[in-house]
Amino acid sequence: MLPPAPVGPLLRDDDFATKHPRGRDDHMGPEPLDLIVKHEGWPVAEFTAEADPTDTKELRQLLYEAIKRYDGRTDYIEEYEMEVRYAGKRDSITTFVAPR
């Protein structure tokens, strides 16, 4: 059994500006993203998808679909998180979580 994945630091606003040179208000549009879905800190799925990393509705749908494929327990979406990275990059852009 693997130990829980380490939790990275939360992004501060100045971190966001560094990682997103176009800024928070500029819609970035879809681009290839590497996504790691974790359940209570444990990685359960990794995949690449094209999405806008600033579009929370789109990120929620990706998380929902990944949970549905993993164990079908979409009623427990708040137990999951999704690490978001630009495709092929090691640094996280953000970690997305969704309330019920």
N, C-alpha and C. Protein backbone atom coordinates (compact mmCIF):
# COMPACT_ATOMS: atom_id res chain seq x y z
N MET A 1 0.84 -1.17 0.00
CA MET A 1 0.00 0.00 0.00
C MET A 1 0.89 1.24 0.00
N LEU A 2 0.59 2.19 -0.84
CA LEU A 2 1.36 3.42 -0.94
C LEU A 2 0.97 4.40 0.16
N PRO A 3 1.92 5.20 0.63
CA PRO A 3 1.56 6.24 1.60
C PRO A 3 0.77 7.35 0.90
N PRO A 4 0.04 8.16 1.66
CA PRO A 4 -0.70 9.26 1.03
C PRO A 4 0.25 10.19 0.28
N ALA A 5 -0.24 10.73 -0.81
CA ALA A 5 0.57 11.68 -1.59
C ALA A 5 0.78 12.95 -0.78
N PRO A 6 1.97 13.53 -0.88
CA PRO A 6 2.19 14.77 -0.14
C PRO A 6 1.29 15.88 -0.67
N VAL A 7 0.85 16.72 0.22
CA VAL A 7 0.00 17.84 -0.17
C VAL A 7 0.91 19.03 -0.44
N GLY A 8 0.79 19.61 -1.62
CA GLY A 8 1.61 20.75 -1.98
C GLY A 8 1.08 22.02 -1.38
N PRO A 9 1.87 23.07 -1.46
CA PRO A 9 1.43 24.35 -0.92
C PRO A 9 0.28 24.92 -1.74
N LEU A 10 -0.58 25.67 -1.08
CA LEU A 10 -1.66 26.34 -1.78
C LEU A 10 -1.09 27.48 -2.60
N LEU A 11 -1.71 27.76 -3.73
CA LEU A 11 -1.27 28.88 -4.57
C LEU A 11 -1.70 30.20 -3.96
N ARG A 12 -0.77 31.09 -3.85
CA ARG A 12 -1.11 32.47 -3.47
C ARG A 12 -1.34 33.24 -4.77
N ASP A 13 -1.94 34.42 -4.67
CA ASP A 13 -2.21 35.20 -5.87
C ASP A 13 -0.95 35.50 -6.66
N ASP A 14 0.19 35.79 -5.98
CA ASP A 14 1.42 36.09 -6.72
C ASP A 14 1.96 34.83 -7.40
N ASP A 15 1.71 33.63 -6.83
CA ASP A 15 2.11 32.39 -7.50
C ASP A 15 1.30 32.21 -8.78
N PHE A 16 0.01 32.52 -8.71
CA PHE A 16 -0.85 32.37 -9.89
C PHE A 16 -0.34 33.26 -11.02
N ALA A 17 0.02 34.50 -10.69
CA ALA A 17 0.50 35.43 -11.72
C ALA A 17 1.77 34.91 -12.36
N THR A 18 2.64 34.27 -11.59
CA THR A 18 3.88 33.72 -12.13
C THR A 18 3.60 32.56 -13.07
N LYS A 19 2.68 31.68 -12.69
CA LYS A 19 2.39 30.50 -13.49
C LYS A 19 1.43 30.79 -14.63
N HIS A 20 0.68 31.88 -14.54
CA HIS A 20 -0.28 32.26 -15.57
C HIS A 20 0.05 33.69 -16.02
N PRO A 21 1.00 33.83 -16.92
CA PRO A 21 1.44 35.17 -17.29
C PRO A 21 0.33 36.05 -17.87
N ARG A 22 -0.74 35.46 -18.37
CA ARG A 22 -1.83 36.28 -18.91
C ARG A 22 -2.73 36.83 -17.82
N GLY A 23 -2.56 36.34 -16.59
CA GLY A 23 -3.33 36.88 -15.47
C GLY A 23 -4.59 36.10 -15.18
N ARG A 24 -5.16 36.35 -14.02
CA ARG A 24 -6.33 35.63 -13.54
C ARG A 24 -7.58 35.93 -14.35
N ASP A 25 -7.73 37.13 -14.86
CA ASP A 25 -8.97 37.51 -15.54
C ASP A 25 -8.99 37.16 -17.02
N ASP A 26 -7.86 36.84 -17.59
CA ASP A 26 -7.79 36.51 -19.01
C ASP A 26 -8.15 35.04 -19.20
N HIS A 27 -9.24 34.78 -19.92
CA HIS A 27 -9.63 33.40 -20.19
C HIS A 27 -8.56 32.77 -21.06
N MET A 28 -8.00 31.68 -20.59
CA MET A 28 -6.86 31.09 -21.27
C MET A 28 -7.26 30.21 -22.44
N GLY A 29 -8.43 29.61 -22.38
CA GLY A 29 -8.87 28.71 -23.43
C GLY A 29 -8.33 27.31 -23.20
N PRO A 30 -8.87 26.35 -23.92
CA PRO A 30 -8.46 24.96 -23.74
C PRO A 30 -7.00 24.74 -24.11
N GLU A 31 -6.34 23.91 -23.34
CA GLU A 31 -4.97 23.48 -23.64
C GLU A 31 -4.73 22.13 -22.98
N PRO A 32 -3.75 21.37 -23.45
CA PRO A 32 -3.50 20.05 -22.89
C PRO A 32 -3.06 20.15 -21.42
N LEU A 33 -3.73 19.36 -20.57
CA LEU A 33 -3.43 19.34 -19.15
C LEU A 33 -3.22 17.91 -18.69
N ASP A 34 -2.27 17.71 -17.80
CA ASP A 34 -2.11 16.44 -17.11
C ASP A 34 -2.87 16.56 -15.80
N LEU A 35 -3.72 15.58 -15.51
CA LEU A 35 -4.59 15.63 -14.34
C LEU A 35 -4.37 14.39 -13.49
N ILE A 36 -4.23 14.59 -12.19
CA ILE A 36 -4.06 13.50 -11.25
C ILE A 36 -5.20 13.59 -10.24
N VAL A 37 -6.05 12.57 -10.23
CA VAL A 37 -7.19 12.54 -9.32
C VAL A 37 -6.78 11.75 -8.08
N LYS A 38 -7.07 12.33 -6.91
CA LYS A 38 -6.73 11.68 -5.64
C LYS A 38 -7.98 11.53 -4.81
N HIS A 39 -8.07 10.41 -4.10
CA HIS A 39 -9.16 10.17 -3.17
C HIS A 39 -8.57 10.12 -1.78
N GLU A 40 -8.95 11.09 -0.97
CA GLU A 40 -8.42 11.24 0.38
C GLU A 40 -6.89 11.20 0.38
N GLY A 41 -6.29 11.87 -0.61
CA GLY A 41 -4.84 12.00 -0.71
C GLY A 41 -4.13 10.91 -1.50
N TRP A 42 -4.82 9.85 -1.85
CA TRP A 42 -4.21 8.74 -2.59
C TRP A 42 -4.50 8.89 -4.09
N PRO A 43 -3.48 8.82 -4.94
CA PRO A 43 -3.71 8.89 -6.39
C PRO A 43 -4.55 7.70 -6.86
N VAL A 44 -5.60 7.98 -7.62
CA VAL A 44 -6.46 6.91 -8.14
C VAL A 44 -6.58 6.94 -9.66
N ALA A 45 -6.22 8.05 -10.28
CA ALA A 45 -6.31 8.15 -11.74
C ALA A 45 -5.40 9.26 -12.23
N GLU A 46 -4.78 9.02 -13.38
CA GLU A 46 -3.98 10.03 -14.06
C GLU A 46 -4.36 10.01 -15.53
N PHE A 47 -4.57 11.19 -16.09
CA PHE A 47 -4.92 11.25 -17.51
C PHE A 47 -4.61 12.64 -18.05
N THR A 48 -4.62 12.76 -19.36
CA THR A 48 -4.41 14.03 -20.03
C THR A 48 -5.70 14.40 -20.75
N ALA A 49 -6.08 15.66 -20.65
CA ALA A 49 -7.28 16.15 -21.31
C ALA A 49 -7.04 17.58 -21.76
N GLU A 50 -7.80 18.00 -22.73
CA GLU A 50 -7.74 19.39 -23.17
C GLU A 50 -8.83 20.15 -22.44
N ALA A 51 -8.42 21.18 -21.71
CA ALA A 51 -9.37 21.97 -20.92
C ALA A 51 -8.77 23.33 -20.61
N ASP A 52 -9.61 24.24 -20.21
CA ASP A 52 -9.18 25.56 -19.75
C ASP A 52 -8.90 25.45 -18.26
N PRO A 53 -7.65 25.64 -17.82
CA PRO A 53 -7.32 25.46 -16.41
C PRO A 53 -7.94 26.51 -15.49
N THR A 54 -8.56 27.55 -16.06
CA THR A 54 -9.22 28.57 -15.24
C THR A 54 -10.73 28.40 -15.20
N ASP A 55 -11.25 27.40 -15.91
CA ASP A 55 -12.70 27.18 -16.00
C ASP A 55 -13.12 26.13 -14.97
N THR A 56 -13.64 26.59 -13.84
CA THR A 56 -13.99 25.65 -12.76
C THR A 56 -15.12 24.70 -13.15
N LYS A 57 -16.03 25.14 -13.99
CA LYS A 57 -17.11 24.26 -14.44
C LYS A 57 -16.53 23.09 -15.24
N GLU A 58 -15.59 23.39 -16.11
CA GLU A 58 -14.95 22.36 -16.92
C GLU A 58 -14.11 21.42 -16.05
N LEU A 59 -13.38 21.96 -15.08
CA LEU A 59 -12.58 21.13 -14.19
C LEU A 59 -13.47 20.23 -13.34
N ARG A 60 -14.60 20.77 -12.87
CA ARG A 60 -15.53 19.95 -12.09
C ARG A 60 -16.06 18.79 -12.92
N GLN A 61 -16.38 19.04 -14.18
CA GLN A 61 -16.89 17.98 -15.05
C GLN A 61 -15.83 16.90 -15.26
N LEU A 62 -14.58 17.31 -15.46
CA LEU A 62 -13.49 16.33 -15.61
C LEU A 62 -13.32 15.49 -14.34
N LEU A 63 -13.38 16.13 -13.18
CA LEU A 63 -13.27 15.42 -11.92
C LEU A 63 -14.45 14.46 -11.75
N TYR A 64 -15.64 14.92 -12.02
CA TYR A 64 -16.85 14.09 -11.92
C TYR A 64 -16.73 12.84 -12.81
N GLU A 65 -16.33 13.03 -14.05
CA GLU A 65 -16.22 11.90 -14.98
C GLU A 65 -15.13 10.92 -14.55
N ALA A 66 -14.03 11.43 -14.02
CA ALA A 66 -12.95 10.56 -13.54
C ALA A 66 -13.43 9.73 -12.35
N ILE A 67 -14.18 10.34 -11.44
CA ILE A 67 -14.72 9.61 -10.29
C ILE A 67 -15.70 8.54 -10.76
N LYS A 68 -16.53 8.89 -11.72
CA LYS A 68 -17.52 7.95 -12.25
C LYS A 68 -16.82 6.72 -12.83
N ARG A 69 -15.71 6.94 -13.55
CA ARG A 69 -14.96 5.82 -14.12
C ARG A 69 -14.23 5.02 -13.04
N TYR A 70 -13.76 5.71 -12.00
CA TYR A 70 -12.97 5.05 -10.96
C TYR A 70 -13.82 4.13 -10.09
N ASP A 71 -14.83 4.67 -9.44
CA ASP A 71 -15.65 3.82 -8.57
C ASP A 71 -17.14 4.15 -8.60
N GLY A 72 -17.53 5.13 -9.38
CA GLY A 72 -18.94 5.46 -9.53
C GLY A 72 -19.56 6.20 -8.36
N ARG A 73 -18.77 6.56 -7.35
CA ARG A 73 -19.30 7.21 -6.14
C ARG A 73 -19.30 8.73 -6.29
N THR A 74 -19.96 9.23 -7.28
CA THR A 74 -19.96 10.67 -7.55
C THR A 74 -20.66 11.48 -6.46
N ASP A 75 -21.46 10.83 -5.62
CA ASP A 75 -22.10 11.54 -4.50
C ASP A 75 -21.08 11.98 -3.46
N TYR A 76 -19.86 11.43 -3.54
CA TYR A 76 -18.80 11.75 -2.58
C TYR A 76 -17.69 12.58 -3.23
N ILE A 77 -18.05 13.44 -4.18
CA ILE A 77 -17.07 14.23 -4.92
C ILE A 77 -16.18 15.07 -4.00
N GLU A 78 -16.70 15.46 -2.83
CA GLU A 78 -15.91 16.28 -1.91
C GLU A 78 -14.74 15.51 -1.30
N GLU A 79 -14.70 14.19 -1.44
CA GLU A 79 -13.59 13.38 -0.93
C GLU A 79 -12.43 13.33 -1.91
N TYR A 80 -12.60 13.92 -3.09
CA TYR A 80 -11.61 13.85 -4.16
C TYR A 80 -10.99 15.22 -4.40
N GLU A 81 -9.81 15.19 -4.97
CA GLU A 81 -9.14 16.41 -5.44
C GLU A 81 -8.46 16.07 -6.77
N MET A 82 -8.18 17.10 -7.55
CA MET A 82 -7.54 16.88 -8.84
C MET A 82 -6.39 17.87 -9.00
N GLU A 83 -5.21 17.33 -9.11
CA GLU A 83 -4.02 18.15 -9.34
C GLU A 83 -3.97 18.47 -10.84
N VAL A 84 -3.75 19.73 -11.16
CA VAL A 84 -3.77 20.20 -12.55
C VAL A 84 -2.38 20.69 -12.92
N ARG A 85 -1.85 20.17 -14.03
CA ARG A 85 -0.54 20.57 -14.55
C ARG A 85 -0.65 20.80 -16.05
N TYR A 86 0.19 21.68 -16.58
CA TYR A 86 0.30 21.76 -18.03
C TYR A 86 0.90 20.45 -18.51
N ALA A 87 0.42 19.94 -19.64
CA ALA A 87 0.87 18.64 -20.14
C ALA A 87 2.40 18.60 -20.27
N GLY A 88 2.98 17.56 -19.70
CA GLY A 88 4.42 17.36 -19.79
C GLY A 88 5.23 18.13 -18.78
N LYS A 89 4.60 18.93 -17.94
CA LYS A 89 5.30 19.73 -16.93
C LYS A 89 5.16 19.08 -15.56
N ARG A 90 6.12 19.31 -14.68
CA ARG A 90 6.09 18.70 -13.35
C ARG A 90 5.38 19.58 -12.32
N ASP A 91 5.42 20.89 -12.51
CA ASP A 91 4.83 21.81 -11.52
C ASP A 91 3.31 21.87 -11.65
N SER A 92 2.65 21.86 -10.51
CA SER A 92 1.19 21.98 -10.50
C SER A 92 0.80 23.43 -10.78
N ILE A 93 -0.31 23.59 -11.52
CA ILE A 93 -0.91 24.91 -11.68
C ILE A 93 -1.76 25.16 -10.43
N THR A 94 -2.56 24.15 -10.09
CA THR A 94 -3.45 24.25 -8.93
C THR A 94 -3.96 22.87 -8.56
N THR A 95 -4.62 22.79 -7.43
CA THR A 95 -5.35 21.58 -7.04
C THR A 95 -6.81 21.97 -6.97
N PHE A 96 -7.64 21.24 -7.71
CA PHE A 96 -9.06 21.55 -7.80
C PHE A 96 -9.84 20.62 -6.87
N VAL A 97 -10.72 21.19 -6.06
CA VAL A 97 -11.65 20.42 -5.24
C VAL A 97 -13.05 20.96 -5.49
N ALA A 98 -14.04 20.11 -5.33
CA ALA A 98 -15.42 20.54 -5.58
C ALA A 98 -16.29 20.18 -4.39
N PRO A 99 -17.11 21.12 -3.95
CA PRO A 99 -18.08 20.78 -2.91
C PRO A 99 -19.18 19.91 -3.52
N ARG A 100 -19.94 19.30 -2.70
CA ARG A 100 -21.05 18.47 -3.16
C ARG A 100 -22.01 19.24 -4.00
